[in-house]
Amino acid sequence: MSNLLDKFAKVKVSAAERIASDDAAWCEGEQTNYQRAHKLYTEFRNDATEAMQIEVKEWSERNENSHNSYQYIESYGDGGLSGIDKRIKEIQNNFIHAIMYHFSRKYNVEIGNFTIEKNLGFIPPERSYSNSQWEREQEEYRVKSSRLLHYNEIVDEILLQLGGLTFADKAVQQIKDNAKEAAHDQYHSKCYYTVNKKMIQFEEWFTRWDKNHHAVLLALWHFRTGTTSMAGSWWQRKFQKSHSYYSEDERVGSPFEFEDGNIRKMRYFKNGRWDITFASAELADTFAREYLGF
């Protein structure tokens, strides 16, 4: 039995085998572009380091070990080794964020970039009291954070954040979690809304905050359509603008009414109140329980 478990422990399924083939193909293309730039700047850094060491050695031999104030290749500054290191770090970050953004945009999921950067070794160490220790930690960080990455490493971290869910299920979970957070005052254990038969009514404080309004609006969109993005939709154009961009006279007053679907009417008031009327009391209760944590 133990031999069988050992065999399973040695099997590592690559990230490419756990994502869609078109996603793997996209990541491979990004990997190629990234590796080209990484190779260019890494070789430049190595050549510059070697040339600087030769320069320092020759100056020292010709000038009785005096300090060279006119170095052609420097350690610091944008034109020195630190400038090259800075650009390599930017290339690393660009690659990580490109892979993250691809999955975030395609599947409408929120991905925590700080956690990924930390787990991959891209968060610099805190300042040490000892200068020698600080310099050693900085060099270790430079080497680790400048290594050649593979997109599998980044995808592995993204999949960990899904917590065993599919991208689609994670997107729905985040929509519901964000709507629940927006609809509650966590510090005072208070709801910003009430449910009255077919209507859910948000109090005036709620609709003053675009982030909270957007979270609930996206939850309503998913409840109505089953899709996780309202980008570019008539729903977003009408109701995002009705709250955020229209003048007060334009965004309040007459209700927005729908002939079909589970949501039949929405109305904004001058005092900031927001009423949402559903097709039935059961639907209003379902939305409140599943999306708002009623």
Protein backbone atom coordinates (compact mmCIF):
# COMPACT_ATOMS: atom_id res chain seq x y z
CA MET A 1 0.00 0.00 0.00
CA SER A 2 2.81 2.41 0.90
CA ASN A 3 4.52 1.74 -2.44
CA LEU A 4 1.32 2.65 -4.22
CA LEU A 5 1.02 5.90 -2.27
CA ASP A 6 4.65 6.73 -3.04
CA LYS A 7 3.94 6.33 -6.74
CA PHE A 8 0.97 8.67 -6.52
CA ALA A 9 3.04 11.20 -4.56
CA LYS A 10 5.58 11.30 -7.36
CA VAL A 11 2.97 12.08 -9.98
CA LYS A 12 2.71 15.81 -10.57
CA VAL A 13 -0.01 17.00 -12.93
CA SER A 14 1.18 20.09 -14.76
CA ALA A 15 -0.95 23.22 -14.75
CA ALA A 16 -1.28 22.93 -18.53
CA GLU A 17 -3.23 19.69 -18.04
CA ARG A 18 -5.64 21.36 -15.61
CA ILE A 19 -6.64 24.31 -17.78
CA ALA A 20 -8.39 24.56 -21.14
CA SER A 21 -6.26 23.94 -24.24
CA ASP A 22 -6.84 27.46 -25.56
CA ASP A 23 -5.68 28.90 -22.22
CA ALA A 24 -2.55 26.72 -22.34
CA ALA A 25 -1.87 27.87 -25.91
CA TRP A 26 -2.23 31.52 -24.88
CA CYS A 27 0.12 31.02 -21.94
CA GLU A 28 2.70 29.30 -24.17
CA GLY A 29 2.70 32.31 -26.49
CA GLU A 30 3.18 34.68 -23.56
CA GLN A 31 5.94 32.43 -22.22
CA THR A 32 7.85 32.75 -25.49
CA ASN A 33 7.71 36.55 -25.49
CA TYR A 34 8.65 36.73 -21.82
CA GLN A 35 11.61 34.35 -22.17
CA ARG A 36 12.99 36.38 -25.07
CA ALA A 37 13.02 39.58 -23.02
CA HIS A 38 14.28 37.81 -19.88
CA LYS A 39 17.19 36.24 -21.78
CA LEU A 40 18.16 39.57 -23.33
CA TYR A 41 18.30 41.50 -20.06
CA THR A 42 19.84 38.65 -18.03
CA GLU A 43 22.71 38.26 -20.50
CA PHE A 44 23.15 42.04 -20.54
CA ARG A 45 23.32 42.04 -16.74
CA ASN A 46 25.90 39.25 -16.66
CA ASP A 47 28.04 40.92 -19.33
CA ALA A 48 27.83 44.29 -17.54
CA THR A 49 28.81 42.70 -14.22
CA GLU A 50 31.82 40.99 -15.77
CA ALA A 51 32.90 44.16 -17.56
CA MET A 52 32.60 46.21 -14.35
CA GLN A 53 34.74 43.71 -12.44
CA ILE A 54 37.42 43.88 -15.14
CA GLU A 55 37.28 47.68 -15.13
CA VAL A 56 37.67 47.86 -11.34
CA LYS A 57 40.55 45.39 -11.38
CA GLU A 58 42.47 47.20 -14.15
CA TRP A 59 41.94 50.61 -12.54
CA SER A 60 43.21 49.28 -9.23
CA GLU A 61 46.33 47.84 -10.85
CA ARG A 62 47.13 51.08 -12.69
CA ASN A 63 46.28 53.51 -9.89
CA GLU A 64 47.67 51.86 -6.76
CA ASN A 65 44.32 50.67 -5.43
CA SER A 66 42.82 54.18 -5.30
CA HIS A 67 39.08 54.66 -5.71
CA ASN A 68 37.80 55.07 -9.28
CA SER A 69 35.53 58.13 -9.39
CA TYR A 70 35.02 57.89 -13.15
CA GLN A 71 33.59 54.41 -13.66
CA TYR A 72 32.12 53.62 -17.06
CA ILE A 73 29.94 50.84 -15.66
CA GLU A 74 28.30 51.57 -12.32
CA SER A 75 26.50 49.54 -9.69
CA TYR A 76 23.75 52.04 -9.02
CA GLY A 77 21.47 54.38 -10.93
CA ASP A 78 19.17 53.79 -13.88
CA GLY A 79 22.17 53.26 -16.15
CA GLY A 80 23.93 50.88 -13.77
CA LEU A 81 23.44 47.32 -12.61
CA SER A 82 20.59 48.32 -10.29
CA GLY A 83 18.80 49.83 -13.29
CA ILE A 84 19.09 46.53 -15.15
CA ASP A 85 17.84 44.68 -12.07
CA LYS A 86 14.88 47.04 -11.89
CA ARG A 87 13.98 46.31 -15.51
CA ILE A 88 14.27 42.53 -14.98
CA LYS A 89 11.91 42.85 -11.98
CA GLU A 90 9.46 44.80 -14.17
CA ILE A 91 9.61 42.04 -16.79
CA GLN A 92 8.90 39.45 -14.10
CA ASN A 93 5.94 41.43 -12.77
CA ASN A 94 4.58 42.02 -16.27
CA PHE A 95 4.64 38.29 -16.97
CA ILE A 96 2.92 37.39 -13.69
CA HIS A 97 0.24 40.03 -14.18
CA ALA A 98 -0.31 39.10 -17.84
CA ILE A 99 -1.08 35.48 -16.90
CA MET A 100 -3.28 36.60 -14.01
CA TYR A 101 -5.16 39.14 -16.12
CA HIS A 102 -5.86 36.59 -18.85
CA PHE A 103 -7.71 34.28 -16.46
CA SER A 104 -9.30 37.11 -14.49
CA ARG A 105 -10.70 38.77 -17.62
CA LYS A 106 -11.81 35.56 -19.35
CA TYR A 107 -13.52 33.96 -16.35
CA ASN A 108 -14.49 37.13 -14.42
CA VAL A 109 -12.68 36.03 -11.25
CA GLU A 110 -10.75 38.15 -8.78
CA ILE A 111 -7.17 36.95 -8.30
CA GLY A 112 -4.96 38.13 -5.42
CA ASN A 113 -1.69 39.26 -6.95
CA PHE A 114 0.10 39.92 -3.63
CA THR A 115 -0.32 36.29 -2.53
CA ILE A 116 1.08 35.04 -5.83
CA GLU A 117 4.04 37.42 -5.78
CA LYS A 118 4.81 36.48 -2.17
CA ASN A 119 4.66 32.72 -2.81
CA LEU A 120 6.88 33.07 -5.88
CA GLY A 121 9.46 35.09 -3.92
CA PHE A 122 8.82 38.52 -5.42
CA ILE A 123 8.17 40.47 -2.23
CA PRO A 124 11.42 42.12 -1.06
CA PRO A 125 12.69 41.35 2.46
CA GLU A 126 12.21 43.80 5.32
CA ARG A 127 15.17 45.92 6.31
CA SER A 128 17.56 44.16 8.69
CA TYR A 129 19.47 45.91 11.47
CA SER A 130 22.72 44.36 10.29
CA ASN A 131 24.06 45.88 7.07
CA SER A 132 25.84 42.65 6.14
CA GLN A 133 22.69 40.61 6.70
CA TRP A 134 20.63 43.15 4.74
CA GLU A 135 23.03 43.03 1.80
CA ARG A 136 23.02 39.22 1.84
CA GLU A 137 19.21 39.09 1.94
CA GLN A 138 18.96 41.64 -0.84
CA GLU A 139 21.29 39.61 -3.05
CA GLU A 140 19.38 36.40 -2.32
CA TYR A 141 16.15 38.22 -3.18
CA ARG A 142 17.65 39.60 -6.39
CA VAL A 143 18.74 36.15 -7.56
CA LYS A 144 15.46 34.49 -6.64
CA SER A 145 13.24 37.21 -8.11
CA SER A 146 15.22 37.37 -11.36
CA ARG A 147 15.07 33.64 -12.13
CA LEU A 148 13.32 32.42 -15.25
CA LEU A 149 9.68 31.70 -14.47
CA HIS A 150 7.34 29.26 -16.15
CA TYR A 151 3.67 30.03 -16.51
CA ASN A 152 2.88 26.73 -14.75
CA GLU A 153 4.12 28.29 -11.51
CA ILE A 154 1.69 31.18 -11.82
CA VAL A 155 -1.24 29.00 -12.91
CA ASP A 156 -0.58 26.69 -9.95
CA GLU A 157 -0.98 29.68 -7.62
CA ILE A 158 -4.15 30.80 -9.41
CA LEU A 159 -5.67 27.33 -9.12
CA LEU A 160 -4.85 27.27 -5.40
CA GLN A 161 -6.91 30.43 -4.98
CA LEU A 162 -9.90 28.71 -6.58
CA GLY A 163 -10.00 26.39 -3.58
CA GLY A 164 -11.00 23.36 -5.64
CA LEU A 165 -13.73 25.21 -7.55
CA THR A 166 -13.91 25.68 -11.29
CA PHE A 167 -13.32 29.18 -12.66
CA ALA A 168 -17.07 29.51 -13.33
CA ASP A 169 -18.05 28.44 -9.81
CA LYS A 170 -15.42 30.72 -8.26
CA ALA A 171 -16.77 33.69 -10.23
CA VAL A 172 -20.29 33.03 -8.89
CA GLN A 173 -18.98 32.59 -5.34
CA GLN A 174 -17.16 35.93 -5.53
CA ILE A 175 -20.25 37.71 -6.90
CA LYS A 176 -22.29 36.47 -3.94
CA ASP A 177 -19.55 37.19 -1.38
CA ASN A 178 -19.05 40.74 -2.69
CA ALA A 179 -22.80 41.43 -2.70
CA LYS A 180 -23.13 40.15 0.89
CA GLU A 181 -20.24 42.32 2.02
CA ALA A 182 -21.71 45.36 0.28
CA ALA A 183 -25.17 44.84 1.79
CA HIS A 184 -24.01 44.61 5.41
CA ASP A 185 -22.32 46.81 7.98
CA GLN A 186 -19.82 44.31 9.40
CA TYR A 187 -18.96 46.46 12.41
CA HIS A 188 -22.52 47.01 13.62
CA SER A 189 -24.08 43.74 12.37
CA LYS A 190 -26.57 45.72 10.32
CA CYS A 191 -28.22 45.13 6.94
CA TYR A 192 -28.47 48.04 4.52
CA TYR A 193 -31.67 46.63 3.03
CA THR A 194 -35.11 45.32 3.93
CA VAL A 195 -37.27 42.72 2.21
CA ASN A 196 -40.96 43.51 1.85
CA LYS A 197 -42.90 40.92 -0.15
CA LYS A 198 -41.78 41.39 -3.78
CA MET A 199 -39.50 44.33 -3.04
CA ILE A 200 -35.96 44.68 -1.72
CA GLN A 201 -35.25 48.23 -0.58
CA PHE A 202 -31.80 49.63 0.09
CA GLU A 203 -31.54 52.59 2.43
CA GLU A 204 -30.16 55.95 1.37
CA TRP A 205 -26.61 55.42 2.68
CA PHE A 206 -26.09 52.41 0.43
CA THR A 207 -26.32 53.91 -3.05
CA ARG A 208 -23.80 56.64 -2.33
CA TRP A 209 -21.00 54.11 -2.77
CA ASP A 210 -20.27 53.03 -6.34
CA LYS A 211 -18.36 49.90 -5.29
CA ASN A 212 -21.24 48.57 -3.22
CA HIS A 213 -23.80 49.53 -5.83
CA HIS A 214 -21.80 47.73 -8.52
CA ALA A 215 -21.48 44.59 -6.35
CA VAL A 216 -25.24 44.30 -5.87
CA LEU A 217 -25.93 45.31 -9.48
CA LEU A 218 -23.68 42.48 -10.72
CA ALA A 219 -25.45 40.07 -8.36
CA LEU A 220 -28.81 41.13 -9.82
CA TRP A 221 -27.44 40.68 -13.33
CA HIS A 222 -26.28 37.15 -12.53
CA PHE A 223 -29.61 36.36 -10.86
CA ARG A 224 -31.43 37.55 -13.98
CA THR A 225 -29.16 36.14 -16.73
CA GLY A 226 -26.92 33.50 -15.16
CA THR A 227 -23.80 35.24 -16.57
CA THR A 228 -20.94 36.62 -14.48
CA SER A 229 -20.06 39.76 -16.43
CA MET A 230 -22.23 42.68 -17.43
CA ALA A 231 -19.39 44.51 -19.22
CA GLY A 232 -20.75 46.33 -22.25
CA SER A 233 -24.32 45.17 -21.60
CA TRP A 234 -27.41 47.37 -21.76
CA TRP A 235 -27.85 46.56 -18.06
CA GLN A 236 -24.51 48.13 -17.17
CA ARG A 237 -25.05 51.14 -19.42
CA LYS A 238 -28.47 51.86 -17.99
CA PHE A 239 -28.00 51.18 -14.29
CA GLN A 240 -24.35 52.05 -13.77
CA LYS A 241 -24.96 55.39 -15.43
CA SER A 242 -28.28 55.86 -13.69
CA HIS A 243 -26.39 55.80 -10.42
CA SER A 244 -22.96 57.19 -11.19
CA TYR A 245 -22.98 59.41 -14.25
CA TYR A 246 -26.43 60.91 -14.83
CA SER A 247 -27.42 64.08 -13.04
CA GLU A 248 -29.70 63.72 -10.04
CA ASP A 249 -32.76 64.66 -12.09
CA GLU A 250 -31.87 62.12 -14.80
CA ARG A 251 -31.22 59.18 -12.48
CA VAL A 252 -34.24 59.44 -10.19
CA GLY A 253 -37.97 59.51 -10.64
CA SER A 254 -39.54 57.16 -13.17
CA PRO A 255 -38.84 53.46 -12.52
CA PHE A 256 -37.06 51.17 -14.95
CA GLU A 257 -39.57 48.44 -15.79
CA PHE A 258 -39.14 45.04 -17.50
CA GLU A 259 -41.85 42.98 -19.18
CA ASP A 260 -40.31 39.62 -18.32
CA GLY A 261 -37.67 37.94 -16.18
CA ASN A 262 -37.34 37.56 -12.43
CA ILE A 263 -36.67 41.29 -11.88
CA ARG A 264 -39.52 43.57 -12.96
CA LYS A 265 -38.72 47.06 -11.73
CA MET A 266 -35.89 49.20 -10.31
CA ARG A 267 -36.14 52.75 -9.07
CA TYR A 268 -33.72 55.29 -7.60
CA PHE A 269 -34.89 58.10 -5.31
CA LYS A 270 -33.50 61.55 -4.62
CA ASN A 271 -32.63 60.65 -1.05
CA GLY A 272 -30.49 57.75 -2.34
CA ARG A 273 -33.00 54.97 -1.71
CA TRP A 274 -32.98 52.12 -4.19
CA ASP A 275 -36.00 49.85 -4.72
CA ILE A 276 -35.85 46.54 -6.61
CA THR A 277 -39.11 44.76 -7.39
CA PHE A 278 -39.08 41.06 -8.30
CA ALA A 279 -41.65 38.99 -10.17
CA SER A 280 -42.73 37.32 -6.92
CA ALA A 281 -42.11 37.42 -3.20
CA GLU A 282 -40.42 34.02 -3.48
CA LEU A 283 -37.89 35.39 -5.97
CA ALA A 284 -37.16 38.40 -3.76
CA ASP A 285 -36.60 36.06 -0.81
CA THR A 286 -34.36 33.76 -2.90
CA PHE A 287 -32.17 36.64 -4.04
CA ALA A 288 -31.89 38.02 -0.51
CA ARG A 289 -30.90 34.64 0.92
CA GLU A 290 -28.51 33.51 -1.83
CA TYR A 291 -26.86 36.81 -2.76
CA LEU A 292 -27.28 39.11 0.25
CA GLY A 293 -27.12 36.67 3.15
CA PHE A 294 -30.62 37.53 4.41
